[in-house]
Amino acid sequence: MAFNYVGSVNGAQRNLVLVLLADSLTFSVGEIVETYTTGYAVNALAAKPFLGVIHAITTEGSLPEIKGASTAGSANTSDTKTVTTAADNVSTKKYYALVDTSVHAIYSCPSNGTIGTTADSELPGARVDVDADEGQILENTATRTIGTPANFYIHGLDPNDAARSLVSIAMSEYTSVGE
């Protein structure tokens, strides 16, 4: 599942920021997070602004967090894709995330329902919210009504997988908080 980076609007660059993960939560690469409520990354909610999409779970020095121990003469295991932070992550500063905050980044993502059943969500211009597990969009929240808050702007179907939508950030924490 999750949000997979596929490109950007007009070749714009990604904007990766290092964010400390909050205590006692589970985070995965490809999920969305917000920081405006606590100052630390927490899982984002539907119809609320968010910071961006997690691209990597890292250490304070922005180095990939490596899972498992290596044995002499063998290769390391893969980078951490999911982590559950300890109750003291904020004070110990063990886990961080590199988060893409660019509103120009485009992601391929799954939907919790059949794409296109609400507000022609298979076509560009609709907006939609994130599902509670942060790894997919909520088809039944698709809207084309101006003024209705929604997390993502839809660019249409993913040409490589018609069961996924192409989306970009519609409610950035940088521009939406306090509005």
N, C-alpha and C. Protein backbone atom coordinates (compact mmCIF):
# COMPACT_ATOMS: atom_id res chain seq x y z
N MET A 1 0.85 -1.18 0.00
CA MET A 1 0.00 0.00 0.00
C MET A 1 0.89 1.23 0.00
N ALA A 2 0.51 2.25 0.66
CA ALA A 2 1.28 3.47 0.89
C ALA A 2 1.36 4.38 -0.32
N PHE A 3 1.88 5.56 -0.08
CA PHE A 3 2.08 6.58 -1.09
C PHE A 3 3.48 6.41 -1.68
N ASN A 4 3.55 6.17 -3.00
CA ASN A 4 4.82 5.97 -3.69
C ASN A 4 5.10 7.17 -4.57
N TYR A 5 6.26 7.79 -4.40
CA TYR A 5 6.65 8.94 -5.20
C TYR A 5 6.83 8.51 -6.66
N VAL A 6 6.22 9.27 -7.59
CA VAL A 6 6.35 8.94 -9.01
C VAL A 6 6.89 10.09 -9.85
N GLY A 7 6.93 11.29 -9.31
CA GLY A 7 7.42 12.43 -10.07
C GLY A 7 6.95 13.73 -9.47
N SER A 8 6.99 14.79 -10.28
CA SER A 8 6.55 16.08 -9.77
C SER A 8 5.96 16.93 -10.89
N VAL A 9 5.24 17.94 -10.50
CA VAL A 9 4.64 18.87 -11.44
C VAL A 9 5.74 19.77 -12.00
N ASN A 10 5.85 19.85 -13.30
CA ASN A 10 6.81 20.72 -13.98
C ASN A 10 8.26 20.51 -13.53
N GLY A 11 8.62 19.31 -13.12
CA GLY A 11 9.99 19.01 -12.74
C GLY A 11 10.45 19.65 -11.44
N ALA A 12 9.52 20.09 -10.60
CA ALA A 12 9.88 20.70 -9.32
C ALA A 12 10.61 19.69 -8.44
N GLN A 13 11.45 20.18 -7.58
CA GLN A 13 12.23 19.33 -6.68
C GLN A 13 11.43 18.94 -5.45
N ARG A 14 11.79 17.81 -4.87
CA ARG A 14 11.22 17.42 -3.58
C ARG A 14 11.85 18.29 -2.51
N ASN A 15 11.16 18.46 -1.40
CA ASN A 15 11.67 19.23 -0.28
C ASN A 15 11.67 18.32 0.94
N LEU A 16 12.82 17.66 1.20
CA LEU A 16 12.93 16.71 2.30
C LEU A 16 13.36 17.43 3.57
N VAL A 17 12.60 17.23 4.65
CA VAL A 17 12.94 17.81 5.95
C VAL A 17 13.06 16.68 6.97
N LEU A 18 13.96 16.86 7.93
CA LEU A 18 14.17 15.88 8.99
C LEU A 18 13.27 16.24 10.16
N VAL A 19 12.45 15.27 10.62
CA VAL A 19 11.48 15.51 11.67
C VAL A 19 11.60 14.42 12.73
N LEU A 20 11.62 14.80 14.00
CA LEU A 20 11.64 13.84 15.11
C LEU A 20 10.27 13.18 15.23
N LEU A 21 10.25 11.86 15.34
CA LEU A 21 8.99 11.11 15.47
C LEU A 21 8.50 11.15 16.92
N ALA A 22 7.21 11.30 17.10
CA ALA A 22 6.60 11.35 18.44
C ALA A 22 6.69 10.00 19.14
N ASP A 23 6.43 10.01 20.42
CA ASP A 23 6.48 8.82 21.27
C ASP A 23 5.33 7.86 20.99
N SER A 24 5.60 6.57 21.14
CA SER A 24 4.60 5.50 21.19
C SER A 24 3.65 5.44 19.99
N LEU A 25 4.18 5.64 18.80
CA LEU A 25 3.38 5.56 17.58
C LEU A 25 4.11 4.70 16.54
N THR A 26 3.34 4.17 15.59
CA THR A 26 3.92 3.39 14.51
C THR A 26 3.95 4.25 13.25
N PHE A 27 5.10 4.26 12.58
CA PHE A 27 5.30 5.04 11.36
C PHE A 27 5.86 4.12 10.28
N SER A 28 5.46 4.36 9.03
CA SER A 28 5.97 3.59 7.91
C SER A 28 6.34 4.51 6.76
N VAL A 29 7.30 4.09 5.97
CA VAL A 29 7.65 4.81 4.74
C VAL A 29 6.40 4.83 3.87
N GLY A 30 6.09 6.01 3.31
CA GLY A 30 4.91 6.15 2.46
C GLY A 30 3.67 6.62 3.19
N GLU A 31 3.74 6.84 4.49
CA GLU A 31 2.60 7.37 5.25
C GLU A 31 2.74 8.88 5.38
N ILE A 32 1.62 9.53 5.70
CA ILE A 32 1.66 10.98 5.88
C ILE A 32 1.66 11.34 7.36
N VAL A 33 2.34 12.45 7.66
CA VAL A 33 2.46 12.91 9.04
C VAL A 33 2.22 14.41 9.12
N GLU A 34 1.88 14.86 10.32
CA GLU A 34 1.74 16.28 10.61
C GLU A 34 2.55 16.60 11.85
N THR A 35 2.92 17.89 12.00
CA THR A 35 3.70 18.32 13.16
C THR A 35 3.08 19.51 13.88
N TYR A 36 2.03 20.10 13.33
CA TYR A 36 1.51 21.33 13.91
C TYR A 36 0.84 21.16 15.26
N THR A 37 0.37 19.96 15.62
CA THR A 37 -0.30 19.80 16.91
C THR A 37 0.67 19.60 18.07
N THR A 38 1.85 18.99 17.82
CA THR A 38 2.77 18.70 18.92
C THR A 38 4.19 19.19 18.68
N GLY A 39 4.55 19.48 17.45
CA GLY A 39 5.92 19.82 17.12
C GLY A 39 6.74 18.60 16.71
N TYR A 40 6.21 17.43 16.96
CA TYR A 40 6.84 16.17 16.55
C TYR A 40 5.94 15.52 15.52
N ALA A 41 6.49 14.63 14.70
CA ALA A 41 5.69 13.96 13.69
C ALA A 41 4.70 13.00 14.34
N VAL A 42 3.44 13.15 13.98
CA VAL A 42 2.38 12.23 14.38
C VAL A 42 1.60 11.87 13.13
N ASN A 43 0.84 10.78 13.19
CA ASN A 43 0.06 10.35 12.04
C ASN A 43 -0.99 11.40 11.69
N ALA A 44 -1.11 11.72 10.41
CA ALA A 44 -2.04 12.75 9.94
C ALA A 44 -3.47 12.23 9.89
N LEU A 45 -4.42 13.16 9.88
CA LEU A 45 -5.84 12.82 9.87
C LEU A 45 -6.53 13.38 8.64
N ALA A 46 -7.66 12.79 8.29
CA ALA A 46 -8.45 13.25 7.16
C ALA A 46 -8.91 14.69 7.38
N ALA A 47 -8.98 15.45 6.28
CA ALA A 47 -9.49 16.82 6.25
C ALA A 47 -8.70 17.79 7.12
N LYS A 48 -7.46 17.44 7.44
CA LYS A 48 -6.58 18.30 8.23
C LYS A 48 -5.29 18.51 7.46
N PRO A 49 -4.66 19.67 7.60
CA PRO A 49 -3.37 19.88 6.94
C PRO A 49 -2.33 18.89 7.45
N PHE A 50 -1.36 18.57 6.60
CA PHE A 50 -0.30 17.69 7.04
C PHE A 50 1.03 18.17 6.49
N LEU A 51 2.13 17.68 7.07
CA LEU A 51 3.47 18.10 6.69
C LEU A 51 3.89 17.48 5.37
N GLY A 52 3.75 16.16 5.25
CA GLY A 52 4.16 15.49 4.03
C GLY A 52 4.20 13.99 4.17
N VAL A 53 4.92 13.36 3.23
CA VAL A 53 4.99 11.90 3.13
C VAL A 53 6.37 11.43 3.61
N ILE A 54 6.38 10.41 4.46
CA ILE A 54 7.65 9.85 4.95
C ILE A 54 8.37 9.14 3.81
N HIS A 55 9.63 9.53 3.60
CA HIS A 55 10.46 8.88 2.58
C HIS A 55 11.46 7.91 3.18
N ALA A 56 11.84 8.12 4.45
CA ALA A 56 12.78 7.22 5.11
C ALA A 56 12.69 7.39 6.61
N ILE A 57 12.89 6.29 7.33
CA ILE A 57 13.05 6.31 8.78
C ILE A 57 14.56 6.42 9.00
N THR A 58 14.99 7.40 9.79
CA THR A 58 16.42 7.68 9.92
C THR A 58 16.85 7.89 11.36
N THR A 59 18.16 8.09 11.50
CA THR A 59 18.74 8.52 12.77
C THR A 59 18.81 10.05 12.75
N GLU A 60 19.28 10.63 13.83
CA GLU A 60 19.37 12.10 13.91
C GLU A 60 20.26 12.68 12.82
N GLY A 61 21.26 11.94 12.40
CA GLY A 61 22.16 12.41 11.36
C GLY A 61 21.66 12.17 9.95
N SER A 62 20.37 11.85 9.80
CA SER A 62 19.72 11.58 8.51
C SER A 62 20.23 10.31 7.85
N LEU A 63 20.87 9.43 8.62
CA LEU A 63 21.33 8.17 8.06
C LEU A 63 20.20 7.15 8.14
N PRO A 64 20.10 6.28 7.15
CA PRO A 64 19.04 5.26 7.19
C PRO A 64 19.16 4.40 8.44
N GLU A 65 18.05 4.10 9.05
CA GLU A 65 18.04 3.21 10.21
C GLU A 65 18.09 1.79 9.67
N ILE A 66 19.13 1.03 10.06
CA ILE A 66 19.30 -0.33 9.57
C ILE A 66 18.72 -1.32 10.57
N LYS A 67 17.90 -2.22 10.06
CA LYS A 67 17.23 -3.22 10.89
C LYS A 67 18.12 -4.45 11.03
N GLY A 68 18.19 -4.99 12.23
CA GLY A 68 18.91 -6.24 12.44
C GLY A 68 20.40 -6.08 12.55
N ALA A 69 21.06 -7.08 13.04
CA ALA A 69 22.51 -7.06 13.19
C ALA A 69 23.14 -7.81 12.04
N SER A 70 24.34 -7.39 11.67
CA SER A 70 25.03 -8.12 10.61
C SER A 70 26.00 -9.11 11.23
N THR A 71 26.22 -10.16 10.52
CA THR A 71 27.17 -11.17 10.94
C THR A 71 28.43 -10.97 10.10
N ALA A 72 29.58 -11.13 10.72
CA ALA A 72 30.84 -10.96 9.98
C ALA A 72 30.80 -11.77 8.70
N GLY A 73 31.13 -11.12 7.59
CA GLY A 73 31.17 -11.82 6.30
C GLY A 73 29.84 -11.88 5.59
N SER A 74 28.78 -11.29 6.16
CA SER A 74 27.48 -11.31 5.49
C SER A 74 26.96 -9.89 5.33
N ALA A 75 26.00 -9.74 4.44
CA ALA A 75 25.44 -8.41 4.18
C ALA A 75 24.46 -8.02 5.28
N ASN A 76 24.31 -6.70 5.47
CA ASN A 76 23.32 -6.18 6.42
C ASN A 76 21.92 -6.46 5.91
N THR A 77 20.96 -6.43 6.82
CA THR A 77 19.56 -6.53 6.42
C THR A 77 19.14 -5.19 5.84
N SER A 78 17.91 -5.06 5.40
CA SER A 78 17.44 -3.86 4.71
C SER A 78 17.16 -2.70 5.66
N ASP A 79 16.97 -1.53 5.06
CA ASP A 79 16.60 -0.34 5.82
C ASP A 79 15.25 -0.58 6.50
N THR A 80 15.03 0.13 7.59
CA THR A 80 13.77 0.05 8.31
C THR A 80 12.66 0.71 7.49
N LYS A 81 11.57 0.01 7.26
CA LYS A 81 10.43 0.55 6.53
C LYS A 81 9.31 0.96 7.48
N THR A 82 9.25 0.30 8.66
CA THR A 82 8.24 0.60 9.67
C THR A 82 8.91 0.57 11.03
N VAL A 83 8.51 1.50 11.88
CA VAL A 83 9.05 1.53 13.23
C VAL A 83 7.94 1.94 14.21
N THR A 84 7.95 1.33 15.39
CA THR A 84 7.08 1.78 16.48
C THR A 84 8.00 2.44 17.49
N THR A 85 7.77 3.71 17.72
CA THR A 85 8.64 4.46 18.61
C THR A 85 8.37 4.10 20.07
N ALA A 86 9.41 4.20 20.87
CA ALA A 86 9.29 3.93 22.31
C ALA A 86 8.61 5.12 22.99
N ALA A 87 8.22 4.92 24.23
CA ALA A 87 7.56 5.97 25.01
C ALA A 87 8.49 7.15 25.28
N ASP A 88 9.79 6.97 25.04
CA ASP A 88 10.76 8.05 25.29
C ASP A 88 11.49 8.49 24.02
N ASN A 89 10.90 8.29 22.85
CA ASN A 89 11.59 8.64 21.60
C ASN A 89 11.93 10.13 21.53
N VAL A 90 11.04 10.98 22.02
CA VAL A 90 11.29 12.42 21.97
C VAL A 90 12.51 12.78 22.82
N SER A 91 12.64 12.18 24.00
CA SER A 91 13.79 12.52 24.86
C SER A 91 15.07 11.81 24.42
N THR A 92 14.96 10.59 23.88
CA THR A 92 16.17 9.87 23.45
C THR A 92 16.57 10.21 22.01
N LYS A 93 15.63 10.78 21.25
CA LYS A 93 15.87 11.17 19.85
C LYS A 93 16.44 10.02 19.01
N LYS A 94 15.82 8.85 19.14
CA LYS A 94 16.31 7.69 18.39
C LYS A 94 15.84 7.67 16.94
N TYR A 95 14.55 7.91 16.72
CA TYR A 95 14.00 7.80 15.36
C TYR A 95 13.51 9.14 14.82
N TYR A 96 13.93 9.41 13.61
CA TYR A 96 13.51 10.57 12.85
C TYR A 96 12.92 10.07 11.54
N ALA A 97 12.33 10.99 10.77
CA ALA A 97 11.88 10.65 9.42
C ALA A 97 12.29 11.76 8.48
N LEU A 98 12.68 11.38 7.26
CA LEU A 98 12.84 12.35 6.18
C LEU A 98 11.48 12.44 5.51
N VAL A 99 10.90 13.64 5.54
CA VAL A 99 9.54 13.85 5.06
C VAL A 99 9.56 14.80 3.86
N ASP A 100 8.91 14.39 2.78
CA ASP A 100 8.79 15.25 1.60
C ASP A 100 7.60 16.18 1.79
N THR A 101 7.87 17.48 1.84
CA THR A 101 6.82 18.47 2.08
C THR A 101 6.37 19.18 0.81
N SER A 102 6.90 18.82 -0.33
CA SER A 102 6.60 19.53 -1.58
C SER A 102 5.16 19.31 -2.04
N VAL A 103 4.47 20.41 -2.31
CA VAL A 103 3.12 20.32 -2.87
C VAL A 103 3.17 19.96 -4.35
N HIS A 104 4.37 19.93 -4.92
CA HIS A 104 4.53 19.59 -6.34
C HIS A 104 4.83 18.11 -6.56
N ALA A 105 5.14 17.38 -5.49
CA ALA A 105 5.44 15.94 -5.60
C ALA A 105 4.15 15.19 -5.92
N ILE A 106 4.25 14.21 -6.80
CA ILE A 106 3.09 13.40 -7.17
C ILE A 106 3.34 11.97 -6.69
N TYR A 107 2.30 11.41 -6.08
CA TYR A 107 2.37 10.06 -5.51
C TYR A 107 1.31 9.17 -6.12
N SER A 108 1.64 7.90 -6.26
CA SER A 108 0.68 6.87 -6.63
C SER A 108 0.21 6.25 -5.33
N CYS A 109 -1.11 6.10 -5.18
CA CYS A 109 -1.61 5.53 -3.93
C CYS A 109 -2.88 4.71 -4.17
N PRO A 110 -3.11 3.74 -3.30
CA PRO A 110 -4.33 2.93 -3.40
C PRO A 110 -5.52 3.67 -2.78
N SER A 111 -6.68 3.17 -3.04
CA SER A 111 -7.92 3.72 -2.48
C SER A 111 -8.60 2.65 -1.64
N ASN A 112 -9.41 3.08 -0.68
CA ASN A 112 -10.14 2.12 0.14
C ASN A 112 -11.41 1.62 -0.54
N GLY A 113 -11.70 2.14 -1.71
CA GLY A 113 -12.89 1.73 -2.45
C GLY A 113 -12.62 1.75 -3.94
N THR A 114 -13.67 1.55 -4.73
CA THR A 114 -13.52 1.55 -6.18
C THR A 114 -13.34 2.97 -6.68
N ILE A 115 -12.20 3.25 -7.28
CA ILE A 115 -11.89 4.59 -7.77
C ILE A 115 -12.89 4.98 -8.84
N GLY A 116 -13.43 6.20 -8.73
CA GLY A 116 -14.37 6.72 -9.72
C GLY A 116 -15.81 6.64 -9.29
N THR A 117 -16.11 6.03 -8.16
CA THR A 117 -17.51 5.92 -7.73
C THR A 117 -18.01 7.18 -7.04
N THR A 118 -17.11 8.07 -6.63
CA THR A 118 -17.50 9.31 -5.96
C THR A 118 -16.88 10.50 -6.70
N ALA A 119 -17.70 11.45 -7.12
CA ALA A 119 -17.25 12.72 -7.71
C ALA A 119 -16.26 12.54 -8.87
N ASP A 120 -16.44 11.50 -9.67
CA ASP A 120 -15.52 11.24 -10.79
C ASP A 120 -14.07 11.31 -10.34
N SER A 121 -13.76 10.61 -9.25
CA SER A 121 -12.43 10.67 -8.64
C SER A 121 -11.33 10.07 -9.51
N GLU A 122 -11.68 9.44 -10.60
CA GLU A 122 -10.67 8.92 -11.51
C GLU A 122 -10.13 10.01 -12.45
N LEU A 123 -10.75 11.18 -12.42
CA LEU A 123 -10.38 12.28 -13.29
C LEU A 123 -9.67 13.39 -12.52
N PRO A 124 -8.79 14.14 -13.18
CA PRO A 124 -8.10 15.24 -12.50
C PRO A 124 -9.08 16.28 -11.94
N GLY A 125 -8.68 16.90 -10.84
CA GLY A 125 -9.45 18.00 -10.28
C GLY A 125 -10.20 17.67 -9.00
N ALA A 126 -10.46 16.40 -8.74
CA ALA A 126 -11.14 16.05 -7.50
C ALA A 126 -10.14 16.16 -6.35
N ARG A 127 -10.66 16.28 -5.16
CA ARG A 127 -9.83 16.26 -3.95
C ARG A 127 -10.34 15.14 -3.06
N VAL A 128 -9.46 14.58 -2.23
CA VAL A 128 -9.81 13.40 -1.44
C VAL A 128 -8.99 13.39 -0.15
N ASP A 129 -9.50 12.71 0.86
CA ASP A 129 -8.82 12.60 2.16
C ASP A 129 -8.06 11.29 2.29
N VAL A 130 -7.15 11.27 3.26
CA VAL A 130 -6.38 10.08 3.59
C VAL A 130 -7.22 9.17 4.47
N ASP A 131 -7.02 7.86 4.34
CA ASP A 131 -7.67 6.88 5.19
C ASP A 131 -6.98 6.86 6.56
N ALA A 132 -7.64 6.32 7.56
CA ALA A 132 -7.12 6.30 8.92
C ALA A 132 -5.77 5.61 9.04
N ASP A 133 -5.46 4.67 8.15
CA ASP A 133 -4.17 3.98 8.26
C ASP A 133 -3.05 4.72 7.51
N GLU A 134 -3.35 5.90 6.99
CA GLU A 134 -2.39 6.76 6.30
C GLU A 134 -1.74 6.15 5.07
N GLY A 135 -2.17 5.01 4.63
CA GLY A 135 -1.55 4.37 3.49
C GLY A 135 -2.41 4.33 2.25
N GLN A 136 -3.59 4.95 2.31
CA GLN A 136 -4.47 4.97 1.15
C GLN A 136 -5.44 6.14 1.26
N ILE A 137 -6.16 6.42 0.17
CA ILE A 137 -7.13 7.50 0.20
C ILE A 137 -8.53 6.95 0.41
N LEU A 138 -9.42 7.81 0.88
CA LEU A 138 -10.81 7.45 1.16
C LEU A 138 -11.68 7.84 -0.03
N GLU A 139 -12.05 6.88 -0.83
CA GLU A 139 -12.84 7.13 -2.03
C GLU A 139 -14.12 7.90 -1.72
N ASN A 140 -14.79 7.57 -0.63
CA ASN A 140 -16.09 8.20 -0.35
C ASN A 140 -15.97 9.66 0.10
N THR A 141 -14.73 10.18 0.26
CA THR A 141 -14.56 11.60 0.61
C THR A 141 -14.22 12.45 -0.61
N ALA A 142 -14.11 11.83 -1.78
CA ALA A 142 -13.78 12.60 -2.99
C ALA A 142 -14.81 13.70 -3.19
N THR A 143 -14.31 14.89 -3.56
CA THR A 143 -15.20 16.03 -3.72
C THR A 143 -14.70 16.93 -4.84
N ARG A 144 -15.63 17.67 -5.41
CA ARG A 144 -15.31 18.72 -6.37
C ARG A 144 -15.95 20.02 -5.91
N THR A 145 -16.33 20.08 -4.64
CA THR A 145 -16.96 21.26 -4.06
C THR A 145 -15.90 22.20 -3.52
N ILE A 146 -15.86 23.41 -4.04
CA ILE A 146 -14.91 24.42 -3.59
C ILE A 146 -15.18 24.73 -2.11
N GLY A 147 -14.11 24.81 -1.33
CA GLY A 147 -14.23 25.12 0.09
C GLY A 147 -14.32 23.91 0.99
N THR A 148 -14.50 22.72 0.42
CA THR A 148 -14.54 21.51 1.22
C THR A 148 -13.10 21.04 1.44
N PRO A 149 -12.66 20.96 2.72
CA PRO A 149 -11.27 20.56 2.96
C PRO A 149 -11.00 19.12 2.55
N ALA A 150 -9.82 18.89 2.00
CA ALA A 150 -9.39 17.55 1.62
C ALA A 150 -7.87 17.52 1.60
N ASN A 151 -7.28 16.39 1.97
CA ASN A 151 -5.83 16.26 2.06
C ASN A 151 -5.10 16.32 0.72
N PHE A 152 -5.68 15.71 -0.32
CA PHE A 152 -4.97 15.53 -1.59
C PHE A 152 -5.76 16.04 -2.78
N TYR A 153 -5.01 16.47 -3.79
CA TYR A 153 -5.55 16.83 -5.09
C TYR A 153 -5.31 15.62 -6.00
N ILE A 154 -6.30 15.21 -6.77
CA ILE A 154 -6.18 14.05 -7.66
C ILE A 154 -5.78 14.51 -9.06
N HIS A 155 -4.77 13.84 -9.61
CA HIS A 155 -4.29 14.11 -10.97
C HIS A 155 -4.82 13.09 -11.97
N GLY A 156 -5.58 12.11 -11.50
CA GLY A 156 -6.12 11.06 -12.37
C GLY A 156 -5.64 9.70 -11.94
N LEU A 157 -5.87 8.71 -12.78
CA LEU A 157 -5.44 7.34 -12.50
C LEU A 157 -3.95 7.18 -12.78
N ASP A 158 -3.31 6.28 -12.05
CA ASP A 158 -1.92 5.94 -12.30
C ASP A 158 -1.89 5.15 -13.62
N PRO A 159 -1.17 5.63 -14.63
CA PRO A 159 -1.15 4.93 -15.92
C PRO A 159 -0.52 3.54 -15.85
N ASN A 160 0.24 3.29 -14.78
CA ASN A 160 0.87 1.98 -14.61
C ASN A 160 0.05 1.02 -13.76
N ASP A 161 -1.02 1.53 -13.12
CA ASP A 161 -1.86 0.69 -12.26
C ASP A 161 -3.20 1.40 -12.05
N ALA A 162 -4.21 1.00 -12.78
CA ALA A 162 -5.53 1.65 -12.73
C ALA A 162 -6.24 1.49 -11.40
N ALA A 163 -5.68 0.69 -10.48
CA ALA A 163 -6.25 0.55 -9.15
C ALA A 163 -5.66 1.58 -8.18
N ARG A 164 -4.82 2.48 -8.71
CA ARG A 164 -4.19 3.51 -7.89
C ARG A 164 -4.42 4.89 -8.51
N SER A 165 -4.47 5.91 -7.65
CA SER A 165 -4.63 7.30 -8.11
C SER A 165 -3.30 8.03 -8.02
N LEU A 166 -3.16 9.08 -8.82
CA LEU A 166 -2.03 9.99 -8.70
C LEU A 166 -2.50 11.21 -7.93
N VAL A 167 -1.80 11.55 -6.85
CA VAL A 167 -2.23 12.64 -5.97
C VAL A 167 -1.04 13.53 -5.58
N SER A 168 -1.36 14.75 -5.15
CA SER A 168 -0.37 15.65 -4.56
C SER A 168 -1.01 16.33 -3.36
N ILE A 169 -0.17 16.93 -2.51
CA ILE A 169 -0.66 17.58 -1.29
C ILE A 169 -1.57 18.76 -1.63
N ALA A 170 -2.78 18.75 -1.09
CA ALA A 170 -3.72 19.86 -1.25
C ALA A 170 -3.80 20.71 0.01
N MET A 171 -3.54 20.11 1.17
CA MET A 171 -3.62 20.85 2.45
C MET A 171 -2.28 20.78 3.17
N SER A 172 -1.36 21.60 2.73
CA SER A 172 -0.05 21.64 3.35
C SER A 172 -0.11 22.32 4.70
N GLU A 173 0.55 21.75 5.65
CA GLU A 173 0.66 22.34 6.98
C GLU A 173 1.32 23.73 6.89
N TYR A 174 2.20 23.92 5.93
CA TYR A 174 2.88 25.20 5.78
C TYR A 174 1.95 26.33 5.34
N THR A 175 0.91 26.00 4.59
CA THR A 175 0.04 27.06 4.06
C THR A 175 -1.38 27.00 4.61
N SER A 176 -1.80 25.93 5.27
CA SER A 176 -3.19 25.76 5.66
C SER A 176 -3.47 25.99 7.14
N VAL A 177 -2.50 25.86 8.00
CA VAL A 177 -2.76 25.99 9.44
C VAL A 177 -3.22 27.41 9.74
N GLY A 178 -4.30 27.50 10.49
CA GLY A 178 -4.82 28.80 10.88
C GLY A 178 -5.79 29.41 9.88
N GLU A 179 -6.00 28.76 8.76
CA GLU A 179 -6.93 29.31 7.78
C GLU A 179 -8.34 28.89 8.10
